[in-house]
Protein backbone atom coordinates (compact mmCIF):
# COMPACT_ATOMS: atom_id res chain seq x y z
CA UNK A 1 -11.10 53.93 -19.14
CA UNK A 2 -14.65 52.66 -20.16
CA UNK A 3 -13.15 49.76 -21.56
CA UNK A 4 -11.94 48.25 -18.68
CA UNK A 5 -15.40 49.12 -16.74
CA UNK A 6 -16.65 47.09 -19.34
CA UNK A 7 -14.41 44.59 -18.83
CA UNK A 8 -15.00 44.75 -15.38
CA UNK A 9 -18.50 45.01 -15.80
CA UNK A 10 -18.56 41.61 -17.69
CA UNK A 11 -16.45 39.84 -15.31
CA UNK A 12 -19.06 40.56 -12.41
CA UNK A 13 -22.15 40.44 -14.28
CA UNK A 14 -21.25 36.48 -15.24
CA UNK A 15 -19.87 35.54 -11.71
CA UNK A 16 -23.53 36.93 -10.57
CA UNK A 17 -25.23 35.24 -12.83
CA UNK A 18 -22.87 31.62 -11.40
CA UNK A 19 -23.75 31.76 -8.03
CA UNK A 20 -27.33 33.05 -8.42
CA UNK A 21 -27.84 29.49 -10.34
CA UNK A 22 -25.84 27.41 -7.44
CA UNK A 23 -28.06 29.27 -4.56
CA UNK A 24 -30.87 29.10 -6.83
CA UNK A 25 -29.56 24.98 -7.00
CA UNK A 26 -30.44 24.30 -3.58
CA UNK A 27 -34.03 25.11 -3.19
CA UNK A 28 -37.11 23.12 -3.89
CA UNK A 29 -39.83 23.39 -6.51
CA UNK A 30 -42.50 23.27 -3.66
CA UNK A 31 -40.14 25.91 -1.77
CA UNK A 32 -40.33 28.34 -4.95
CA UNK A 33 -43.33 28.74 -5.12
CA UNK A 34 -44.97 29.33 -1.27
CA UNK A 35 -43.78 25.74 0.42
CA UNK A 36 -42.01 25.06 3.48
CA UNK A 37 -42.68 28.36 4.54
CA UNK A 38 -43.16 28.05 8.17
CA UNK A 39 -39.68 26.29 8.65
CA UNK A 40 -36.74 29.05 8.61
CA UNK A 41 -33.51 27.62 7.16
CA UNK A 42 -30.34 30.12 7.85
CA UNK A 43 -27.02 30.19 5.76
CA UNK A 44 -24.25 28.38 6.88
CA UNK A 45 -20.72 27.88 5.88
CA UNK A 46 -20.64 28.02 2.18
CA UNK A 47 -24.06 29.35 1.47
CA UNK A 48 -23.72 32.09 3.80
CA UNK A 49 -20.12 33.10 1.60
CA UNK A 50 -21.56 32.91 -1.40
CA UNK A 51 -24.67 34.99 -0.32
CA UNK A 52 -22.24 37.38 0.94
CA UNK A 53 -19.91 37.79 -2.30
CA UNK A 54 -23.41 37.71 -4.81
CA UNK A 55 -24.27 40.95 -2.53
CA UNK A 56 -21.09 42.38 -2.72
CA UNK A 57 -20.91 41.58 -6.57
CA UNK A 58 -24.45 43.23 -7.23
CA UNK A 59 -22.70 46.49 -4.67
CA UNK A 60 -19.83 46.62 -7.68
CA UNK A 61 -21.85 45.53 -10.38
CA UNK A 62 -24.19 48.76 -9.67
CA UNK A 63 -21.03 50.88 -8.44
CA UNK A 64 -19.13 50.06 -12.49
CA UNK A 65 -22.51 50.91 -13.82
CA UNK A 66 -22.86 54.59 -12.56
CA UNK A 67 -19.50 55.32 -12.95
CA UNK A 68 -19.42 54.10 -16.98
CA UNK A 69 -22.61 56.03 -17.42
CA UNK A 70 -21.21 58.65 -15.93
CA UNK A 71 -17.79 58.62 -17.77
CA UNK A 72 -19.94 57.68 -21.07
CA UNK A 73 -21.73 61.94 -20.64
């Protein structure tokens, strides 16, 4: 059972890394350091979907990590 949880964690972590990198591609360097903070942009379409999938995958990663620790002890 722990082996399957580890495999799921690896797959979810790779997906989280890919989604995080894809979301950071649209943000410019100036925005990262606080520039353009007066303009509030809303997420639409693919950006919103990627954001929601990132949240779901992070919850799945947390739960599988917690379950893995519980089963190993």
